[in-house]
């Protein structure tokens, strides 16, 4: 467990620890507002829990009704809220306005801070990203944690760019590029890529991220699929065709399934066949999520059924080992 209290004894050893914000998404629709627990890191943790991965979330929420809703939501997927989380005066929120095409725009009310951390043990995978990796003062604690952990466990990172919270482009790009060498996998959307590196195509951006020191760069592009690139391999993975309710949580579901694939890949490393299986699994997870309202990622059974339906028995065999 990764927490500020090294005397705490974890009830179970976690395969993944996610570090980052948990908040309430206030979804504004023509028929009224609806509140859902959200925040990109919290969504990734929840998605991992739904996929059967033992997961903990290191975050900061308020000791209030919204914080209690977040805790109950995570617990429903088996995700452990790590000690020290109830540290804020109030739980953060993001008001999402849904456009006719299902896309969402956000306005944030957030305070992000964590106590200095000393790892009691390291999980197999440490994931972070989004607002938590940019917004002071908590971003400094996140970076310190990655500096402690990156040589001892796999680190995955999704910047999930929110321009309204990031200050200048130069500052945000610098913060991103300082974190990348502390990671093994960086996943970003095509919108993130275009904001960070305007004028570059996705292949150029992926190459830049690899040059900074990560081992795998993944760029998602919605209906256009996703790009997975290592120093020796580049793959384009098609998206899964589906009807779109909204896009809330799609990238986070992709990230959760990507982490699942990395955990269950066996001994073949990042060979092309492994990357293709991981990419197709992550794309299927994102497609299930966009087909229904809100950040509602698939269960492991739903993901297996989707892959089985799309590609037959081979896909079912590819994910037969999933479940850690």
C-alpha atoms as a PDB file:
ATOM      1  CA  UNK A   1       0.000   0.000   0.000  1.00  0.00           C
ATOM      2  CA  UNK A   2       1.168   3.527  -0.730  1.00  0.00           C
ATOM      3  CA  UNK A   3       0.101   5.931   1.985  1.00  0.00           C
ATOM      4  CA  UNK A   4       1.311   8.547   4.371  1.00  0.00           C
ATOM      5  CA  UNK A   5       0.978   6.220   7.360  1.00  0.00           C
ATOM      6  CA  UNK A   6       3.582   3.486   7.043  1.00  0.00           C
ATOM      7  CA  UNK A   7       2.276   1.850  10.219  1.00  0.00           C
ATOM      8  CA  UNK A   8      -1.005   0.890   8.562  1.00  0.00           C
ATOM      9  CA  UNK A   9      -1.294  -2.769   7.601  1.00  0.00           C
ATOM     10  CA  UNK A  10      -3.015  -3.380   4.270  1.00  0.00           C
ATOM     11  CA  UNK A  11      -5.912  -5.805   4.311  1.00  0.00           C
ATOM     12  CA  UNK A  12      -4.556  -7.214   1.031  1.00  0.00           C
ATOM     13  CA  UNK A  13      -1.615  -6.599  -1.221  1.00  0.00           C
ATOM     14  CA  UNK A  14      -2.666  -4.501  -4.185  1.00  0.00           C
ATOM     15  CA  UNK A  15      -1.665  -5.183  -7.784  1.00  0.00           C
ATOM     16  CA  UNK A  16      -2.324  -1.589  -8.843  1.00  0.00           C
ATOM     17  CA  UNK A  17      -2.271   1.690  -6.947  1.00  0.00           C
ATOM     18  CA  UNK A  18      -3.793   4.681  -8.725  1.00  0.00           C
ATOM     19  CA  UNK A  19      -2.753   8.136  -7.534  1.00  0.00           C
ATOM     20  CA  UNK A  20      -4.881  11.133  -8.414  1.00  0.00           C
ATOM     21  CA  UNK A  21      -8.063  13.110  -8.068  1.00  0.00           C
ATOM     22  CA  UNK A  22     -11.499  11.773  -7.256  1.00  0.00           C
ATOM     23  CA  UNK A  23     -14.374  14.175  -7.752  1.00  0.00           C
ATOM     24  CA  UNK A  24     -18.060  14.459  -8.511  1.00  0.00           C
ATOM     25  CA  UNK A  25     -19.042  14.874 -12.155  1.00  0.00           C
ATOM     26  CA  UNK A  26     -22.131  17.075 -12.370  1.00  0.00           C
ATOM     27  CA  UNK A  27     -23.528  16.159 -15.788  1.00  0.00           C
ATOM     28  CA  UNK A  28     -25.636  18.956 -17.232  1.00  0.00           C
ATOM     29  CA  UNK A  29     -28.242  17.726 -19.705  1.00  0.00           C
ATOM     30  CA  UNK A  30     -31.338  19.399 -21.167  1.00  0.00           C
ATOM     31  CA  UNK A  31     -33.546  17.384 -18.787  1.00  0.00           C
ATOM     32  CA  UNK A  32     -31.564  18.355 -15.659  1.00  0.00           C
ATOM     33  CA  UNK A  33     -28.331  17.769 -13.772  1.00  0.00           C
ATOM     34  CA  UNK A  34     -27.139  14.372 -12.547  1.00  0.00           C
ATOM     35  CA  UNK A  35     -24.190  13.746 -10.213  1.00  0.00           C
ATOM     36  CA  UNK A  36     -21.767  10.828 -10.655  1.00  0.00           C
ATOM     37  CA  UNK A  37     -18.459   9.986  -8.956  1.00  0.00           C
ATOM     38  CA  UNK A  38     -15.625  10.679 -11.382  1.00  0.00           C
ATOM     39  CA  UNK A  39     -12.176  12.097 -11.957  1.00  0.00           C
ATOM     40  CA  UNK A  40      -9.876  10.379 -14.422  1.00  0.00           C
ATOM     41  CA  UNK A  41      -7.680   8.522 -11.876  1.00  0.00           C
ATOM     42  CA  UNK A  42     -10.730   7.451  -9.867  1.00  0.00           C
ATOM     43  CA  UNK A  43     -12.368   6.236 -13.086  1.00  0.00           C
ATOM     44  CA  UNK A  44      -9.272   4.201 -13.949  1.00  0.00           C
ATOM     45  CA  UNK A  45      -9.262   2.658 -10.463  1.00  0.00           C
ATOM     46  CA  UNK A  46     -12.964   1.859 -10.724  1.00  0.00           C
ATOM     47  CA  UNK A  47     -12.467   0.369 -14.191  1.00  0.00           C
ATOM     48  CA  UNK A  48      -9.654  -1.837 -12.906  1.00  0.00           C
ATOM     49  CA  UNK A  49     -11.809  -3.010 -10.023  1.00  0.00           C
ATOM     50  CA  UNK A  50     -14.604  -3.923 -12.435  1.00  0.00           C
ATOM     51  CA  UNK A  51     -12.051  -5.954 -14.395  1.00  0.00           C
ATOM     52  CA  UNK A  52     -11.116  -7.961 -11.308  1.00  0.00           C
ATOM     53  CA  UNK A  53      -7.786  -6.266 -10.546  1.00  0.00           C
ATOM     54  CA  UNK A  54      -6.948  -5.669  -6.870  1.00  0.00           C
ATOM     55  CA  UNK A  55      -6.703  -1.898  -6.833  1.00  0.00           C
ATOM     56  CA  UNK A  56      -6.296   0.963  -4.378  1.00  0.00           C
ATOM     57  CA  UNK A  57      -6.818   4.679  -4.923  1.00  0.00           C
ATOM     58  CA  UNK A  58      -4.619   7.272  -3.239  1.00  0.00           C
ATOM     59  CA  UNK A  59      -6.569  10.501  -3.436  1.00  0.00           C
ATOM     60  CA  UNK A  60      -7.954  13.491  -1.516  1.00  0.00           C
ATOM     61  CA  UNK A  61     -11.680  14.043  -0.892  1.00  0.00           C
ATOM     62  CA  UNK A  62     -13.795  15.859   1.658  1.00  0.00           C
ATOM     63  CA  UNK A  63     -15.495  14.339   4.691  1.00  0.00           C
ATOM     64  CA  UNK A  64     -18.877  15.138   3.161  1.00  0.00           C
ATOM     65  CA  UNK A  65     -21.770  13.558   1.290  1.00  0.00           C
ATOM     66  CA  UNK A  66     -19.983  13.742  -2.050  1.00  0.00           C
ATOM     67  CA  UNK A  67     -16.880  12.123  -0.576  1.00  0.00           C
ATOM     68  CA  UNK A  68     -19.041   9.355   0.879  1.00  0.00           C
ATOM     69  CA  UNK A  69     -20.619   8.808  -2.548  1.00  0.00           C
ATOM     70  CA  UNK A  70     -17.166   8.434  -4.112  1.00  0.00           C
ATOM     71  CA  UNK A  71     -16.074   5.952  -1.442  1.00  0.00           C
ATOM     72  CA  UNK A  72     -19.222   3.852  -1.892  1.00  0.00           C
ATOM     73  CA  UNK A  73     -18.824   3.921  -5.672  1.00  0.00           C
ATOM     74  CA  UNK A  74     -15.239   2.672  -5.475  1.00  0.00           C
ATOM     75  CA  UNK A  75     -16.135   0.024  -2.908  1.00  0.00           C
ATOM     76  CA  UNK A  76     -18.844  -1.326  -5.232  1.00  0.00           C
ATOM     77  CA  UNK A  77     -16.030  -2.324  -7.622  1.00  0.00           C
ATOM     78  CA  UNK A  78     -13.797  -3.636  -4.845  1.00  0.00           C
ATOM     79  CA  UNK A  79     -11.442  -0.637  -4.965  1.00  0.00           C
ATOM     80  CA  UNK A  80      -9.751   0.264  -1.688  1.00  0.00           C
ATOM     81  CA  UNK A  81      -9.687   3.945  -0.717  1.00  0.00           C
ATOM     82  CA  UNK A  82      -6.252   4.313   0.846  1.00  0.00           C
ATOM     83  CA  UNK A  83      -5.761   5.962   4.256  1.00  0.00           C
ATOM     84  CA  UNK A  84      -5.626   9.732   4.566  1.00  0.00           C
ATOM     85  CA  UNK A  85      -8.061  10.382   1.718  1.00  0.00           C
ATOM     86  CA  UNK A  86     -10.561  12.502   3.675  1.00  0.00           C
ATOM     87  CA  UNK A  87      -8.222  15.470   3.871  1.00  0.00           C
ATOM     88  CA  UNK A  88     -10.016  18.281   2.019  1.00  0.00           C
ATOM     89  CA  UNK A  89     -12.521  20.862   3.220  1.00  0.00           C
ATOM     90  CA  UNK A  90     -14.894  19.738   0.463  1.00  0.00           C
ATOM     91  CA  UNK A  91     -14.913  17.183  -2.313  1.00  0.00           C
ATOM     92  CA  UNK A  92     -13.954  18.499  -5.737  1.00  0.00           C
ATOM     93  CA  UNK A  93     -16.411  18.673  -8.623  1.00  0.00           C
ATOM     94  CA  UNK A  94     -16.436  18.986 -12.398  1.00  0.00           C
ATOM     95  CA  UNK A  95     -19.519  20.181 -14.239  1.00  0.00           C
ATOM     96  CA  UNK A  96     -19.757  18.424 -17.605  1.00  0.00           C
ATOM     97  CA  UNK A  97     -21.978  19.822 -20.353  1.00  0.00           C
ATOM     98  CA  UNK A  98     -22.920  17.244 -22.980  1.00  0.00           C
ATOM     99  CA  UNK A  99     -22.917  18.359 -26.621  1.00  0.00           C
ATOM    100  CA  UNK A 100     -25.302  16.905 -29.237  1.00  0.00           C
ATOM    101  CA  UNK A 101     -22.540  14.562 -30.498  1.00  0.00           C
ATOM    102  CA  UNK A 102     -22.072  13.126 -26.995  1.00  0.00           C
ATOM    103  CA  UNK A 103     -18.790  14.907 -26.259  1.00  0.00           C
ATOM    104  CA  UNK A 104     -18.337  16.648 -22.913  1.00  0.00           C
ATOM    105  CA  UNK A 105     -16.832  19.992 -21.839  1.00  0.00           C
ATOM    106  CA  UNK A 106     -15.889  20.637 -18.198  1.00  0.00           C
ATOM    107  CA  UNK A 107     -15.764  23.383 -15.565  1.00  0.00           C
ATOM    108  CA  UNK A 108     -13.784  22.418 -12.429  1.00  0.00           C
ATOM    109  CA  UNK A 109     -13.949  23.264  -8.721  1.00  0.00           C
ATOM    110  CA  UNK A 110     -10.925  21.429  -7.342  1.00  0.00           C
ATOM    111  CA  UNK A 111      -8.257  21.586  -4.659  1.00  0.00           C
ATOM    112  CA  UNK A 112      -5.503  18.986  -5.078  1.00  0.00           C
ATOM    113  CA  UNK A 113      -3.060  18.192  -2.287  1.00  0.00           C
ATOM    114  CA  UNK A 114      -1.517  15.056  -0.751  1.00  0.00           C
ATOM    115  CA  UNK A 115       0.560  14.552   2.353  1.00  0.00           C
ATOM    116  CA  UNK A 116       4.237  13.570   1.737  1.00  0.00           C
ATOM    117  CA  UNK A 117       4.359   9.845   1.050  1.00  0.00           C
ATOM    118  CA  UNK A 118       6.659   7.000   2.060  1.00  0.00           C
ATOM    119  CA  UNK A 119       5.827   3.700   0.316  1.00  0.00           C
ATOM    120  CA  UNK A 120       5.189   0.818   2.705  1.00  0.00           C
ATOM    121  CA  UNK A 121       5.442  -1.440  -0.364  1.00  0.00           C
ATOM    122  CA  UNK A 122       5.165  -1.009  -4.111  1.00  0.00           C
ATOM    123  CA  UNK A 123       2.411  -2.550  -6.240  1.00  0.00           C
ATOM    124  CA  UNK A 124       2.991  -4.211  -9.597  1.00  0.00           C
ATOM    125  CA  UNK A 125       1.705  -1.075 -11.340  1.00  0.00           C
ATOM    126  CA  UNK A 126       1.552   2.528 -10.146  1.00  0.00           C
ATOM    127  CA  UNK A 127      -0.745   4.694 -12.287  1.00  0.00           C
ATOM    128  CA  UNK A 128      -1.206   8.445 -12.203  1.00  0.00           C
ATOM    129  CA  UNK A 129      -2.213  11.304 -14.433  1.00  0.00           C
ATOM    130  CA  UNK A 130      -4.709  14.012 -15.204  1.00  0.00           C
ATOM    131  CA  UNK A 131      -5.077  17.058 -12.936  1.00  0.00           C
ATOM    132  CA  UNK A 132      -3.111  15.331 -10.165  1.00  0.00           C
ATOM    133  CA  UNK A 133       0.095  15.441 -12.197  1.00  0.00           C
ATOM    134  CA  UNK A 134      -0.116  19.175 -12.969  1.00  0.00           C
ATOM    135  CA  UNK A 135      -1.956  21.055 -10.209  1.00  0.00           C
ATOM    136  CA  UNK A 136       0.088  22.315  -7.249  1.00  0.00           C
ATOM    137  CA  UNK A 137       0.646  21.517  -4.482  1.00  0.00           C
ATOM    138  CA  UNK A 138      -0.329  17.865  -4.976  1.00  0.00           C
ATOM    139  CA  UNK A 139       1.552  17.506  -8.267  1.00  0.00           C
ATOM    140  CA  UNK A 140       4.855  17.854  -6.402  1.00  0.00           C
ATOM    141  CA  UNK A 141       3.944  14.933  -4.141  1.00  0.00           C
ATOM    142  CA  UNK A 142       2.967  12.844  -7.168  1.00  0.00           C
ATOM    143  CA  UNK A 143       6.296  13.507  -8.824  1.00  0.00           C
ATOM    144  CA  UNK A 144       8.175  12.618  -5.623  1.00  0.00           C
ATOM    145  CA  UNK A 145       6.296   9.337  -5.451  1.00  0.00           C
ATOM    146  CA  UNK A 146       7.158   8.476  -9.058  1.00  0.00           C
ATOM    147  CA  UNK A 147      10.807   9.266  -8.368  1.00  0.00           C
ATOM    148  CA  UNK A 148      10.732   6.759  -5.492  1.00  0.00           C
ATOM    149  CA  UNK A 149       8.818   4.073  -7.388  1.00  0.00           C
ATOM    150  CA  UNK A 150       9.770   4.082 -11.052  1.00  0.00           C
ATOM    151  CA  UNK A 151      12.776   1.784 -10.814  1.00  0.00           C
ATOM    152  CA  UNK A 152      10.919  -0.756  -8.660  1.00  0.00           C
ATOM    153  CA  UNK A 153       7.524  -1.127 -10.347  1.00  0.00           C
ATOM    154  CA  UNK A 154       5.787  -0.357 -13.623  1.00  0.00           C
ATOM    155  CA  UNK A 155       4.567   3.254 -13.861  1.00  0.00           C
ATOM    156  CA  UNK A 156       1.758   4.211 -16.244  1.00  0.00           C
ATOM    157  CA  UNK A 157       0.733   7.792 -16.983  1.00  0.00           C
ATOM    158  CA  UNK A 158      -2.198   9.492 -18.730  1.00  0.00           C
ATOM    159  CA  UNK A 159      -1.915  13.313 -18.778  1.00  0.00           C
ATOM    160  CA  UNK A 160      -5.602  13.729 -19.702  1.00  0.00           C
ATOM    161  CA  UNK A 161      -5.014  17.410 -20.478  1.00  0.00           C
ATOM    162  CA  UNK A 162      -7.436  19.957 -18.978  1.00  0.00           C
ATOM    163  CA  UNK A 163      -6.182  23.296 -20.392  1.00  0.00           C
ATOM    164  CA  UNK A 164      -8.301  25.452 -18.068  1.00  0.00           C
ATOM    165  CA  UNK A 165      -6.344  24.154 -15.056  1.00  0.00           C
ATOM    166  CA  UNK A 166      -2.824  24.024 -16.460  1.00  0.00           C
ATOM    167  CA  UNK A 167      -1.524  27.574 -16.716  1.00  0.00           C
ATOM    168  CA  UNK A 168       0.632  28.304 -19.758  1.00  0.00           C
ATOM    169  CA  UNK A 169       1.302  25.780 -22.509  1.00  0.00           C
ATOM    170  CA  UNK A 170       5.038  25.974 -21.837  1.00  0.00           C
ATOM    171  CA  UNK A 171       4.595  25.203 -18.127  1.00  0.00           C
ATOM    172  CA  UNK A 172       2.263  22.270 -18.780  1.00  0.00           C
ATOM    173  CA  UNK A 173       4.477  20.804 -21.496  1.00  0.00           C
ATOM    174  CA  UNK A 174       7.499  21.075 -19.215  1.00  0.00           C
ATOM    175  CA  UNK A 175       5.650  19.355 -16.364  1.00  0.00           C
ATOM    176  CA  UNK A 176       4.574  16.555 -18.714  1.00  0.00           C
ATOM    177  CA  UNK A 177       8.043  16.050 -20.163  1.00  0.00           C
ATOM    178  CA  UNK A 178       9.607  15.960 -16.694  1.00  0.00           C
ATOM    179  CA  UNK A 179       7.323  13.091 -15.679  1.00  0.00           C
ATOM    180  CA  UNK A 180       7.660  10.955 -18.821  1.00  0.00           C
ATOM    181  CA  UNK A 181      11.207   9.682 -17.983  1.00  0.00           C
ATOM    182  CA  UNK A 182       9.780   8.323 -14.707  1.00  0.00           C
ATOM    183  CA  UNK A 183       7.249   6.144 -16.567  1.00  0.00           C
ATOM    184  CA  UNK A 184       7.089   2.881 -18.493  1.00  0.00           C
ATOM    185  CA  UNK A 185       3.861   3.581 -20.394  1.00  0.00           C
ATOM    186  CA  UNK A 186       2.314   6.887 -21.468  1.00  0.00           C
ATOM    187  CA  UNK A 187      -1.207   6.960 -22.867  1.00  0.00           C
ATOM    188  CA  UNK A 188      -2.817  10.123 -24.218  1.00  0.00           C
ATOM    189  CA  UNK A 189      -5.644  11.095 -26.527  1.00  0.00           C
ATOM    190  CA  UNK A 190      -5.190  12.703 -29.915  1.00  0.00           C
ATOM    191  CA  UNK A 191      -6.544  15.924 -28.369  1.00  0.00           C
ATOM    192  CA  UNK A 192      -3.871  15.735 -25.656  1.00  0.00           C
ATOM    193  CA  UNK A 193      -1.217  15.113 -28.303  1.00  0.00           C
ATOM    194  CA  UNK A 194      -2.328  18.040 -30.453  1.00  0.00           C
ATOM    195  CA  UNK A 195      -2.443  20.383 -27.457  1.00  0.00           C
ATOM    196  CA  UNK A 196       1.007  19.376 -26.202  1.00  0.00           C
ATOM    197  CA  UNK A 197       2.652  19.204 -29.640  1.00  0.00           C
ATOM    198  CA  UNK A 198       0.704  21.353 -32.112  1.00  0.00           C
ATOM    199  CA  UNK A 199       1.585  20.789 -35.724  1.00  0.00           C
ATOM    200  CA  UNK A 200       2.957  17.275 -35.183  1.00  0.00           C
ATOM    201  CA  UNK A 201       1.175  14.146 -36.346  1.00  0.00           C
ATOM    202  CA  UNK A 202       0.468  11.309 -33.921  1.00  0.00           C
ATOM    203  CA  UNK A 203       3.468   9.259 -35.052  1.00  0.00           C
ATOM    204  CA  UNK A 204       5.807  12.202 -34.423  1.00  0.00           C
ATOM    205  CA  UNK A 205       4.303  12.766 -30.989  1.00  0.00           C
ATOM    206  CA  UNK A 206       4.634   9.095 -30.082  1.00  0.00           C
ATOM    207  CA  UNK A 207       8.266   9.178 -31.177  1.00  0.00           C
ATOM    208  CA  UNK A 208       8.907  12.281 -29.068  1.00  0.00           C
ATOM    209  CA  UNK A 209       7.439  10.578 -25.990  1.00  0.00           C
ATOM    210  CA  UNK A 210       9.624   7.518 -26.541  1.00  0.00           C
ATOM    211  CA  UNK A 211      12.681   9.754 -26.896  1.00  0.00           C
ATOM    212  CA  UNK A 212      11.880  11.238 -23.485  1.00  0.00           C
ATOM    213  CA  UNK A 213      12.356   7.810 -21.949  1.00  0.00           C
ATOM    214  CA  UNK A 214       9.127   5.828 -21.673  1.00  0.00           C
ATOM    215  CA  UNK A 215       8.888   2.317 -23.119  1.00  0.00           C
ATOM    216  CA  UNK A 216       5.429   2.371 -24.712  1.00  0.00           C
ATOM    217  CA  UNK A 217       3.525   5.344 -26.130  1.00  0.00           C
ATOM    218  CA  UNK A 218      -0.198   4.939 -26.754  1.00  0.00           C
ATOM    219  CA  UNK A 219      -2.344   7.566 -28.474  1.00  0.00           C
ATOM    220  CA  UNK A 220      -6.099   7.096 -28.795  1.00  0.00           C
ATOM    221  CA  UNK A 221      -8.087   8.805 -31.544  1.00  0.00           C
ATOM    222  CA  UNK A 222     -11.739   7.960 -30.869  1.00  0.00           C
ATOM    223  CA  UNK A 223     -13.425   6.416 -33.895  1.00  0.00           C
ATOM    224  CA  UNK A 224     -10.071   6.430 -35.709  1.00  0.00           C
ATOM    225  CA  UNK A 225      -8.668   3.804 -33.322  1.00  0.00           C
ATOM    226  CA  UNK A 226      -5.385   3.966 -31.446  1.00  0.00           C
ATOM    227  CA  UNK A 227      -1.641   3.978 -32.062  1.00  0.00           C
ATOM    228  CA  UNK A 228       0.727   1.835 -29.968  1.00  0.00           C
ATOM    229  CA  UNK A 229       4.438   2.437 -30.417  1.00  0.00           C
ATOM    230  CA  UNK A 230       7.630   1.133 -28.855  1.00  0.00           C
ATOM    231  CA  UNK A 231      11.200   1.632 -30.079  1.00  0.00           C
ATOM    232  CA  UNK A 232      10.811  -1.435 -32.287  1.00  0.00           C
ATOM    233  CA  UNK A 233       7.107  -1.657 -33.141  1.00  0.00           C
ATOM    234  CA  UNK A 234       4.267   0.553 -34.297  1.00  0.00           C
ATOM    235  CA  UNK A 235       0.691  -0.739 -34.509  1.00  0.00           C
ATOM    236  CA  UNK A 236      -2.582   0.901 -35.490  1.00  0.00           C
ATOM    237  CA  UNK A 237      -5.549  -0.675 -33.706  1.00  0.00           C
ATOM    238  CA  UNK A 238      -9.037  -0.036 -35.118  1.00  0.00           C
ATOM    239  CA  UNK A 239     -11.835   1.193 -32.904  1.00  0.00           C
ATOM    240  CA  UNK A 240     -14.880  -0.974 -32.214  1.00  0.00           C
ATOM    241  CA  UNK A 241     -18.015   0.299 -33.934  1.00  0.00           C
ATOM    242  CA  UNK A 242     -20.814   1.112 -31.506  1.00  0.00           C
ATOM    243  CA  UNK A 243     -23.578   3.618 -30.864  1.00  0.00           C
ATOM    244  CA  UNK A 244     -22.444   6.533 -28.667  1.00  0.00           C
ATOM    245  CA  UNK A 245     -24.389   7.641 -25.594  1.00  0.00           C
ATOM    246  CA  UNK A 246     -21.553   9.936 -24.484  1.00  0.00           C
ATOM    247  CA  UNK A 247     -17.765   9.812 -24.271  1.00  0.00           C
ATOM    248  CA  UNK A 248     -17.427  10.287 -20.500  1.00  0.00           C
ATOM    249  CA  UNK A 249     -14.860   7.860 -19.132  1.00  0.00           C
ATOM    250  CA  UNK A 250     -13.968   6.277 -22.483  1.00  0.00           C
ATOM    251  CA  UNK A 251     -10.270   7.092 -22.216  1.00  0.00           C
ATOM    252  CA  UNK A 252     -10.206   5.932 -18.602  1.00  0.00           C
ATOM    253  CA  UNK A 253     -11.794   2.602 -19.534  1.00  0.00           C
ATOM    254  CA  UNK A 254      -9.197   2.231 -22.273  1.00  0.00           C
ATOM    255  CA  UNK A 255      -6.470   2.955 -19.710  1.00  0.00           C
ATOM    256  CA  UNK A 256      -7.842   0.429 -17.205  1.00  0.00           C
ATOM    257  CA  UNK A 257      -7.975  -2.313 -19.832  1.00  0.00           C
ATOM    258  CA  UNK A 258      -4.498  -1.341 -21.036  1.00  0.00           C
ATOM    259  CA  UNK A 259      -3.149  -1.815 -17.501  1.00  0.00           C
ATOM    260  CA  UNK A 260      -4.984  -5.138 -17.256  1.00  0.00           C
ATOM    261  CA  UNK A 261      -3.299  -6.261 -20.456  1.00  0.00           C
ATOM    262  CA  UNK A 262       0.117  -5.242 -19.149  1.00  0.00           C
ATOM    263  CA  UNK A 263      -0.494  -7.210 -15.953  1.00  0.00           C
ATOM    264  CA  UNK A 264      -1.573 -10.367 -17.766  1.00  0.00           C
ATOM    265  CA  UNK A 265       0.743 -10.372 -20.793  1.00  0.00           C
ATOM    266  CA  UNK A 266       2.979 -13.190 -19.551  1.00  0.00           C
ATOM    267  CA  UNK A 267       6.642 -13.345 -20.505  1.00  0.00           C
ATOM    268  CA  UNK A 268       6.455 -12.039 -24.086  1.00  0.00           C
ATOM    269  CA  UNK A 269       7.104  -8.421 -23.110  1.00  0.00           C
ATOM    270  CA  UNK A 270       5.862  -5.919 -25.679  1.00  0.00           C
ATOM    271  CA  UNK A 271       6.098  -8.153 -28.743  1.00  0.00           C
ATOM    272  CA  UNK A 272       3.823  -7.087 -31.623  1.00  0.00           C
ATOM    273  CA  UNK A 273       1.278  -9.858 -30.959  1.00  0.00           C
ATOM    274  CA  UNK A 274       1.098  -8.850 -27.305  1.00  0.00           C
ATOM    275  CA  UNK A 275       0.614  -5.190 -28.176  1.00  0.00           C
ATOM    276  CA  UNK A 276      -2.142  -6.061 -30.627  1.00  0.00           C
ATOM    277  CA  UNK A 277      -4.033  -8.086 -28.018  1.00  0.00           C
ATOM    278  CA  UNK A 278      -3.629  -5.338 -25.424  1.00  0.00           C
ATOM    279  CA  UNK A 279      -4.753  -2.661 -27.884  1.00  0.00           C
ATOM    280  CA  UNK A 280      -7.810  -4.576 -29.094  1.00  0.00           C
ATOM    281  CA  UNK A 281      -8.841  -5.345 -25.526  1.00  0.00           C
ATOM    282  CA  UNK A 282      -8.529  -1.692 -24.522  1.00  0.00           C
ATOM    283  CA  UNK A 283     -10.496  -0.557 -27.594  1.00  0.00           C
ATOM    284  CA  UNK A 284     -13.285  -2.999 -26.772  1.00  0.00           C
ATOM    285  CA  UNK A 285     -13.466  -1.666 -23.214  1.00  0.00           C
ATOM    286  CA  UNK A 286     -13.747   1.926 -24.452  1.00  0.00           C
ATOM    287  CA  UNK A 287     -16.496   0.969 -26.928  1.00  0.00           C
ATOM    288  CA  UNK A 288     -18.594  -0.604 -24.177  1.00  0.00           C
ATOM    289  CA  UNK A 289     -18.220   2.537 -22.077  1.00  0.00           C
ATOM    290  CA  UNK A 290     -19.289   5.004 -24.773  1.00  0.00           C
ATOM    291  CA  UNK A 291     -22.330   2.883 -25.577  1.00  0.00           C
ATOM    292  CA  UNK A 292     -23.936   3.788 -22.228  1.00  0.00           C
ATOM    293  CA  UNK A 293     -24.234   7.049 -20.265  1.00  0.00           C
ATOM    294  CA  UNK A 294     -21.542   8.225 -17.857  1.00  0.00           C
ATOM    295  CA  UNK A 295     -18.272   6.657 -16.766  1.00  0.00           C
ATOM    296  CA  UNK A 296     -19.643   3.109 -16.731  1.00  0.00           C
ATOM    297  CA  UNK A 297     -16.783   0.745 -17.673  1.00  0.00           C
ATOM    298  CA  UNK A 298     -17.243  -2.935 -18.449  1.00  0.00           C
ATOM    299  CA  UNK A 299     -16.971  -5.843 -16.090  1.00  0.00           C
ATOM    300  CA  UNK A 300     -14.520  -8.573 -16.980  1.00  0.00           C
ATOM    301  CA  UNK A 301     -17.366 -10.795 -18.202  1.00  0.00           C
ATOM    302  CA  UNK A 302     -18.707  -8.007 -20.439  1.00  0.00           C
ATOM    303  CA  UNK A 303     -15.266  -7.384 -21.893  1.00  0.00           C
ATOM    304  CA  UNK A 304     -14.697 -11.069 -22.603  1.00  0.00           C
ATOM    305  CA  UNK A 305     -18.119 -11.334 -24.245  1.00  0.00           C
ATOM    306  CA  UNK A 306     -17.402  -8.323 -26.445  1.00  0.00           C
ATOM    307  CA  UNK A 307     -14.064  -9.689 -27.597  1.00  0.00           C
ATOM    308  CA  UNK A 308     -15.569 -13.122 -28.179  1.00  0.00           C
ATOM    309  CA  UNK A 309     -18.370 -11.625 -30.269  1.00  0.00           C
ATOM    310  CA  UNK A 310     -15.968  -9.478 -32.308  1.00  0.00           C
ATOM    311  CA  UNK A 311     -13.335 -12.051 -33.142  1.00  0.00           C
ATOM    312  CA  UNK A 312     -14.548 -15.522 -32.187  1.00  0.00           C
ATOM    313  CA  UNK A 313     -12.787 -18.140 -30.155  1.00  0.00           C
ATOM    314  CA  UNK A 314      -9.279 -16.687 -30.647  1.00  0.00           C
ATOM    315  CA  UNK A 315     -10.179 -13.514 -28.803  1.00  0.00           C
ATOM    316  CA  UNK A 316     -11.715 -15.518 -25.985  1.00  0.00           C
ATOM    317  CA  UNK A 317      -8.472 -17.456 -25.658  1.00  0.00           C
ATOM    318  CA  UNK A 318      -6.467 -14.195 -25.695  1.00  0.00           C
ATOM    319  CA  UNK A 319      -8.236 -12.981 -22.578  1.00  0.00           C
ATOM    320  CA  UNK A 320      -8.647 -16.348 -20.901  1.00  0.00           C
ATOM    321  CA  UNK A 321      -5.774 -15.550 -18.528  1.00  0.00           C
ATOM    322  CA  UNK A 322      -7.263 -12.217 -17.452  1.00  0.00           C
ATOM    323  CA  UNK A 323      -8.098 -12.051 -13.774  1.00  0.00           C
ATOM    324  CA  UNK A 324      -5.353 -11.248 -11.299  1.00  0.00           C
END
